[in-house]
C-alpha atoms as a PDB file:
ATOM      1  CA  UNK A   1     102.456  91.489  95.917  1.00  0.00           C
ATOM      2  CA  UNK A   2      99.386  89.620  96.034  1.00  0.00           C
ATOM      3  CA  UNK A   3      96.336  91.856  97.332  1.00  0.00           C
ATOM      4  CA  UNK A   4      94.209  90.767  99.994  1.00  0.00           C
ATOM      5  CA  UNK A   5      90.236  90.724  99.975  1.00  0.00           C
ATOM      6  CA  UNK A   6      90.209  90.651 103.416  1.00  0.00           C
ATOM      7  CA  UNK A   7      90.799  94.380 105.163  1.00  0.00           C
ATOM      8  CA  UNK A   8      91.800  92.826 108.758  1.00  0.00           C
ATOM      9  CA  UNK A   9      95.615  92.398 109.321  1.00  0.00           C
ATOM     10  CA  UNK A  10      97.495  90.725 112.265  1.00  0.00           C
ATOM     11  CA  UNK A  11      99.710  92.619 114.570  1.00  0.00           C
ATOM     12  CA  UNK A  12     102.450  90.439 115.420  1.00  0.00           C
ATOM     13  CA  UNK A  13     103.184  92.857 118.657  1.00  0.00           C
ATOM     14  CA  UNK A  14     102.159  93.372 122.205  1.00  0.00           C
ATOM     15  CA  UNK A  15     103.115  96.932 122.030  1.00  0.00           C
ATOM     16  CA  UNK A  16      99.650  99.534 122.559  1.00  0.00           C
ATOM     17  CA  UNK A  17     101.922 102.044 121.050  1.00  0.00           C
ATOM     18  CA  UNK A  18     101.863 100.447 117.458  1.00  0.00           C
ATOM     19  CA  UNK A  19      98.365  99.108 117.777  1.00  0.00           C
ATOM     20  CA  UNK A  20      97.150 102.852 118.515  1.00  0.00           C
ATOM     21  CA  UNK A  21      99.060 103.977 115.553  1.00  0.00           C
ATOM     22  CA  UNK A  22      97.361 101.316 112.822  1.00  0.00           C
ATOM     23  CA  UNK A  23      94.090 102.683 114.810  1.00  0.00           C
ATOM     24  CA  UNK A  24      94.969 106.253 114.112  1.00  0.00           C
ATOM     25  CA  UNK A  25      95.186 105.532 110.317  1.00  0.00           C
ATOM     26  CA  UNK A  26      92.164 103.445 110.153  1.00  0.00           C
ATOM     27  CA  UNK A  27      93.849  99.795 109.925  1.00  0.00           C
ATOM     28  CA  UNK A  28      91.460  97.274 110.922  1.00  0.00           C
ATOM     29  CA  UNK A  29      93.839  94.627 113.296  1.00  0.00           C
ATOM     30  CA  UNK A  30      94.117  92.086 115.418  1.00  0.00           C
ATOM     31  CA  UNK A  31      96.744  91.671 118.082  1.00  0.00           C
ATOM     32  CA  UNK A  32      98.658  88.101 118.500  1.00  0.00           C
ATOM     33  CA  UNK A  33     102.237  88.691 119.847  1.00  0.00           C
ATOM     34  CA  UNK A  34     104.865  86.396 118.788  1.00  0.00           C
ATOM     35  CA  UNK A  35     108.127  85.204 121.292  1.00  0.00           C
ATOM     36  CA  UNK A  36     111.122  85.142 119.350  1.00  0.00           C
ATOM     37  CA  UNK A  37     115.118  85.557 120.231  1.00  0.00           C
ATOM     38  CA  UNK A  38     115.824  89.128 119.938  1.00  0.00           C
ATOM     39  CA  UNK A  39     119.507  89.050 120.471  1.00  0.00           C
ATOM     40  CA  UNK A  40     121.855  91.021 118.817  1.00  0.00           C
ATOM     41  CA  UNK A  41     124.074  88.961 116.475  1.00  0.00           C
ATOM     42  CA  UNK A  42     127.883  89.716 116.961  1.00  0.00           C
ATOM     43  CA  UNK A  43     128.859  92.893 114.690  1.00  0.00           C
ATOM     44  CA  UNK A  44     125.205  93.343 113.241  1.00  0.00           C
ATOM     45  CA  UNK A  45     124.570  96.828 112.431  1.00  0.00           C
ATOM     46  CA  UNK A  46     121.283  98.645 113.753  1.00  0.00           C
ATOM     47  CA  UNK A  47     119.654  98.560 110.844  1.00  0.00           C
ATOM     48  CA  UNK A  48     120.146  94.810 109.799  1.00  0.00           C
ATOM     49  CA  UNK A  49     119.189  93.935 113.209  1.00  0.00           C
ATOM     50  CA  UNK A  50     115.694  95.694 113.318  1.00  0.00           C
ATOM     51  CA  UNK A  51     115.095  94.457 109.819  1.00  0.00           C
ATOM     52  CA  UNK A  52     115.787  91.046 110.767  1.00  0.00           C
ATOM     53  CA  UNK A  53     113.711  90.902 113.531  1.00  0.00           C
ATOM     54  CA  UNK A  54     110.647  92.882 111.969  1.00  0.00           C
ATOM     55  CA  UNK A  55     110.675  90.023 109.340  1.00  0.00           C
ATOM     56  CA  UNK A  56     111.233  87.130 112.055  1.00  0.00           C
ATOM     57  CA  UNK A  57     108.131  88.336 114.011  1.00  0.00           C
ATOM     58  CA  UNK A  58     105.521  88.903 110.685  1.00  0.00           C
ATOM     59  CA  UNK A  59     107.061  85.277 109.665  1.00  0.00           C
ATOM     60  CA  UNK A  60     106.746  83.816 112.915  1.00  0.00           C
ATOM     61  CA  UNK A  61     103.267  84.284 113.140  1.00  0.00           C
ATOM     62  CA  UNK A  62     102.108  83.906 109.728  1.00  0.00           C
ATOM     63  CA  UNK A  63     103.319  80.322 110.203  1.00  0.00           C
ATOM     64  CA  UNK A  64     101.059  79.800 113.178  1.00  0.00           C
ATOM     65  CA  UNK A  65      97.924  81.238 111.159  1.00  0.00           C
ATOM     66  CA  UNK A  66      95.490  78.637 110.170  1.00  0.00           C
ATOM     67  CA  UNK A  67      94.023  78.640 106.349  1.00  0.00           C
ATOM     68  CA  UNK A  68      91.096  80.505 107.629  1.00  0.00           C
ATOM     69  CA  UNK A  69      92.755  83.116 109.840  1.00  0.00           C
ATOM     70  CA  UNK A  70      95.379  83.884 106.740  1.00  0.00           C
ATOM     71  CA  UNK A  71      95.492  87.813 106.222  1.00  0.00           C
ATOM     72  CA  UNK A  72      98.428  90.229 106.207  1.00  0.00           C
ATOM     73  CA  UNK A  73     100.903  90.004 109.315  1.00  0.00           C
ATOM     74  CA  UNK A  74     103.014  93.015 110.191  1.00  0.00           C
ATOM     75  CA  UNK A  75     105.691  93.040 111.954  1.00  0.00           C
ATOM     76  CA  UNK A  76     107.993  95.579 113.575  1.00  0.00           C
ATOM     77  CA  UNK A  77     111.183  96.299 115.496  1.00  0.00           C
ATOM     78  CA  UNK A  78     112.510  99.300 117.218  1.00  0.00           C
ATOM     79  CA  UNK A  79     115.895 100.267 118.237  1.00  0.00           C
ATOM     80  CA  UNK A  80     117.798 103.206 119.286  1.00  0.00           C
ATOM     81  CA  UNK A  81     121.745 103.656 118.140  1.00  0.00           C
ATOM     82  CA  UNK A  82     124.757 105.840 118.710  1.00  0.00           C
ATOM     83  CA  UNK A  83     126.781 105.308 115.879  1.00  0.00           C
ATOM     84  CA  UNK A  84     126.600 101.303 115.213  1.00  0.00           C
ATOM     85  CA  UNK A  85     126.036 100.683 119.082  1.00  0.00           C
ATOM     86  CA  UNK A  86     122.846  99.617 119.526  1.00  0.00           C
ATOM     87  CA  UNK A  87     120.850 100.824 122.812  1.00  0.00           C
ATOM     88  CA  UNK A  88     118.493  97.924 123.706  1.00  0.00           C
ATOM     89  CA  UNK A  89     115.992  97.807 126.609  1.00  0.00           C
ATOM     90  CA  UNK A  90     117.604  98.464 129.955  1.00  0.00           C
ATOM     91  CA  UNK A  91     118.472  95.501 132.043  1.00  0.00           C
ATOM     92  CA  UNK A  92     117.815  97.178 135.438  1.00  0.00           C
ATOM     93  CA  UNK A  93     118.131 100.718 136.828  1.00  0.00           C
ATOM     94  CA  UNK A  94     121.977 101.060 136.459  1.00  0.00           C
ATOM     95  CA  UNK A  95     121.641  99.972 132.915  1.00  0.00           C
ATOM     96  CA  UNK A  96     119.130 102.752 132.410  1.00  0.00           C
ATOM     97  CA  UNK A  97     120.984 105.319 133.664  1.00  0.00           C
ATOM     98  CA  UNK A  98     124.235 104.436 131.686  1.00  0.00           C
ATOM     99  CA  UNK A  99     122.207 104.457 128.764  1.00  0.00           C
ATOM    100  CA  UNK A 100     120.384 107.967 129.531  1.00  0.00           C
ATOM    101  CA  UNK A 101     123.499 109.662 130.310  1.00  0.00           C
ATOM    102  CA  UNK A 102     125.185 108.460 126.716  1.00  0.00           C
ATOM    103  CA  UNK A 103     122.154 110.032 125.081  1.00  0.00           C
ATOM    104  CA  UNK A 104     122.614 113.352 127.012  1.00  0.00           C
ATOM    105  CA  UNK A 105     123.517 116.334 124.694  1.00  0.00           C
ATOM    106  CA  UNK A 106     123.866 114.206 121.717  1.00  0.00           C
ATOM    107  CA  UNK A 107     121.853 113.310 118.951  1.00  0.00           C
ATOM    108  CA  UNK A 108     121.293 109.215 118.209  1.00  0.00           C
ATOM    109  CA  UNK A 109     119.529 107.366 115.717  1.00  0.00           C
ATOM    110  CA  UNK A 110     116.318 105.702 116.229  1.00  0.00           C
ATOM    111  CA  UNK A 111     115.853 102.793 113.671  1.00  0.00           C
ATOM    112  CA  UNK A 112     112.236 100.983 112.934  1.00  0.00           C
ATOM    113  CA  UNK A 113     111.691  98.404 110.528  1.00  0.00           C
ATOM    114  CA  UNK A 114     107.710  97.221 109.681  1.00  0.00           C
ATOM    115  CA  UNK A 115     107.826  93.867 107.611  1.00  0.00           C
ATOM    116  CA  UNK A 116     104.122  92.730 106.095  1.00  0.00           C
ATOM    117  CA  UNK A 117     103.956  88.937 105.532  1.00  0.00           C
ATOM    118  CA  UNK A 118     101.281  88.067 102.836  1.00  0.00           C
ATOM    119  CA  UNK A 119     100.651  85.260 100.318  1.00  0.00           C
ATOM    120  CA  UNK A 120     103.002  86.485  97.779  1.00  0.00           C
ATOM    121  CA  UNK A 121     106.460  87.014 100.196  1.00  0.00           C
ATOM    122  CA  UNK A 122     107.493  89.128 103.180  1.00  0.00           C
ATOM    123  CA  UNK A 123     108.269  93.044 102.194  1.00  0.00           C
ATOM    124  CA  UNK A 124     110.098  95.277 104.739  1.00  0.00           C
ATOM    125  CA  UNK A 125     111.098  99.162 104.930  1.00  0.00           C
ATOM    126  CA  UNK A 126     113.089 100.874 107.611  1.00  0.00           C
ATOM    127  CA  UNK A 127     112.872 104.342 108.776  1.00  0.00           C
ATOM    128  CA  UNK A 128     115.611 106.208 110.328  1.00  0.00           C
ATOM    129  CA  UNK A 129     115.547 109.162 112.580  1.00  0.00           C
ATOM    130  CA  UNK A 130     117.869 111.482 114.210  1.00  0.00           C
ATOM    131  CA  UNK A 131     116.727 112.440 117.888  1.00  0.00           C
ATOM    132  CA  UNK A 132     118.947 115.144 119.564  1.00  0.00           C
ATOM    133  CA  UNK A 133     118.448 115.146 123.352  1.00  0.00           C
ATOM    134  CA  UNK A 134     119.497 117.994 125.776  1.00  0.00           C
ATOM    135  CA  UNK A 135     122.287 117.820 128.369  1.00  0.00           C
ATOM    136  CA  UNK A 136     120.408 115.891 131.288  1.00  0.00           C
ATOM    137  CA  UNK A 137     121.020 116.525 134.821  1.00  0.00           C
ATOM    138  CA  UNK A 138     121.828 113.331 137.304  1.00  0.00           C
ATOM    139  CA  UNK A 139     118.604 114.115 139.042  1.00  0.00           C
ATOM    140  CA  UNK A 140     116.457 114.113 136.100  1.00  0.00           C
ATOM    141  CA  UNK A 141     117.586 110.992 134.866  1.00  0.00           C
ATOM    142  CA  UNK A 142     117.191 109.600 138.183  1.00  0.00           C
ATOM    143  CA  UNK A 143     113.686 110.521 138.584  1.00  0.00           C
ATOM    144  CA  UNK A 144     112.701 109.525 134.840  1.00  0.00           C
ATOM    145  CA  UNK A 145     113.755 105.658 135.832  1.00  0.00           C
ATOM    146  CA  UNK A 146     111.242 106.324 138.912  1.00  0.00           C
ATOM    147  CA  UNK A 147     108.537 107.120 136.647  1.00  0.00           C
ATOM    148  CA  UNK A 148     108.888 103.524 135.431  1.00  0.00           C
ATOM    149  CA  UNK A 149     108.627 104.879 131.521  1.00  0.00           C
ATOM    150  CA  UNK A 150     112.399 103.318 130.488  1.00  0.00           C
ATOM    151  CA  UNK A 151     111.782  99.885 131.869  1.00  0.00           C
ATOM    152  CA  UNK A 152     110.821  98.522 128.056  1.00  0.00           C
ATOM    153  CA  UNK A 153     112.038 101.113 126.209  1.00  0.00           C
ATOM    154  CA  UNK A 154     114.808 100.704 123.469  1.00  0.00           C
ATOM    155  CA  UNK A 155     117.457 103.412 124.829  1.00  0.00           C
ATOM    156  CA  UNK A 156     115.410 103.937 128.169  1.00  0.00           C
ATOM    157  CA  UNK A 157     112.872 106.326 126.972  1.00  0.00           C
ATOM    158  CA  UNK A 158     109.658 106.900 125.414  1.00  0.00           C
ATOM    159  CA  UNK A 159     109.542 110.268 123.028  1.00  0.00           C
ATOM    160  CA  UNK A 160     105.820 109.902 123.565  1.00  0.00           C
ATOM    161  CA  UNK A 161     105.922 109.715 127.086  1.00  0.00           C
ATOM    162  CA  UNK A 162     107.776 112.181 129.673  1.00  0.00           C
ATOM    163  CA  UNK A 163     111.101 112.011 127.985  1.00  0.00           C
ATOM    164  CA  UNK A 164     109.668 114.531 125.294  1.00  0.00           C
ATOM    165  CA  UNK A 165     110.658 117.272 127.505  1.00  0.00           C
ATOM    166  CA  UNK A 166     114.249 115.881 126.791  1.00  0.00           C
ATOM    167  CA  UNK A 167     114.100 116.180 123.137  1.00  0.00           C
ATOM    168  CA  UNK A 168     115.511 119.240 121.435  1.00  0.00           C
ATOM    169  CA  UNK A 169     114.784 118.338 118.145  1.00  0.00           C
ATOM    170  CA  UNK A 170     113.944 115.492 115.641  1.00  0.00           C
ATOM    171  CA  UNK A 171     114.628 114.904 111.864  1.00  0.00           C
ATOM    172  CA  UNK A 172     112.542 111.922 110.232  1.00  0.00           C
ATOM    173  CA  UNK A 173     109.447 110.370 111.289  1.00  0.00           C
ATOM    174  CA  UNK A 174     107.862 110.643 114.533  1.00  0.00           C
ATOM    175  CA  UNK A 175     105.519 107.732 114.331  1.00  0.00           C
ATOM    176  CA  UNK A 176     108.650 105.562 113.667  1.00  0.00           C
ATOM    177  CA  UNK A 177     110.368 106.689 116.884  1.00  0.00           C
ATOM    178  CA  UNK A 178     107.335 105.829 118.657  1.00  0.00           C
ATOM    179  CA  UNK A 179     107.142 102.530 117.312  1.00  0.00           C
ATOM    180  CA  UNK A 180     105.654 102.154 113.585  1.00  0.00           C
ATOM    181  CA  UNK A 181     106.388 104.456 110.985  1.00  0.00           C
ATOM    182  CA  UNK A 182     103.121 105.258 109.299  1.00  0.00           C
ATOM    183  CA  UNK A 183     104.403 106.396 105.656  1.00  0.00           C
ATOM    184  CA  UNK A 184     106.220 102.922 105.103  1.00  0.00           C
ATOM    185  CA  UNK A 185     103.489 101.170 106.890  1.00  0.00           C
ATOM    186  CA  UNK A 186     101.040 102.566 104.182  1.00  0.00           C
ATOM    187  CA  UNK A 187     103.229 102.048 101.491  1.00  0.00           C
ATOM    188  CA  UNK A 188     103.402  98.556 102.331  1.00  0.00           C
ATOM    189  CA  UNK A 189      99.513  97.953 103.318  1.00  0.00           C
ATOM    190  CA  UNK A 190      98.467  99.548 100.032  1.00  0.00           C
ATOM    191  CA  UNK A 191     100.257  96.865  98.032  1.00  0.00           C
ATOM    192  CA  UNK A 192      97.845  94.387  99.800  1.00  0.00           C
ATOM    193  CA  UNK A 193      94.936  96.302  98.882  1.00  0.00           C
ATOM    194  CA  UNK A 194      94.411  98.174 101.887  1.00  0.00           C
ATOM    195  CA  UNK A 195      93.308 101.901 101.177  1.00  0.00           C
ATOM    196  CA  UNK A 196      93.213 104.966 103.301  1.00  0.00           C
ATOM    197  CA  UNK A 197      89.402 105.453 102.579  1.00  0.00           C
ATOM    198  CA  UNK A 198      88.684 102.363 104.936  1.00  0.00           C
ATOM    199  CA  UNK A 199      87.645 103.681 107.891  1.00  0.00           C
ATOM    200  CA  UNK A 200      87.450 100.510 110.174  1.00  0.00           C
ATOM    201  CA  UNK A 201      89.183 100.463 113.106  1.00  0.00           C
ATOM    202  CA  UNK A 202      88.301  97.219 114.928  1.00  0.00           C
ATOM    203  CA  UNK A 203      90.930  95.691 117.091  1.00  0.00           C
ATOM    204  CA  UNK A 204      91.066  92.339 118.403  1.00  0.00           C
ATOM    205  CA  UNK A 205      93.715  90.537 120.883  1.00  0.00           C
ATOM    206  CA  UNK A 206      94.401  86.865 120.374  1.00  0.00           C
ATOM    207  CA  UNK A 207      96.655  85.123 122.451  1.00  0.00           C
END
């Protein structure tokens, strides 16, 4: 990968969680979300699904940048799965309750892909974590929906929020479960010339 002399990167995501995680490790970035088709293809495995979308997001924003704006672009995608069954964001209340009932008293997987597009191409890594959920009571599930948290979350929950009390144990990357695996992200960014000793944390939002 070609190294970049510009320490600023672009984040192709509107997720405040991903932005906060980049800030946590001192990565100066600007936010410019992209809109892509996130439909699951027939028979597509969770690992292939998140990898495809992360790359598509990074590539979509790269193509929109002017020559003067060109800097590494980070795209990411997260999904929850039971076996090969992808559990995306809930369509409505009934769908969220159905998903949470399926996760109750079971161990599921969280897949998060991170892709970095740069002048030399696009590189991608995938983090896979196991998450064990305790048995959930119906009233807990209903109350959690009413909190508003599940609405835009893959698997209808956010581990960084109220659902933390549902989680018995995890095996893998906590930051990956939140939405951006920092180990894999750091590996990719170092290939562009970024180093941990850069303490910048500038954030900008660009339409």
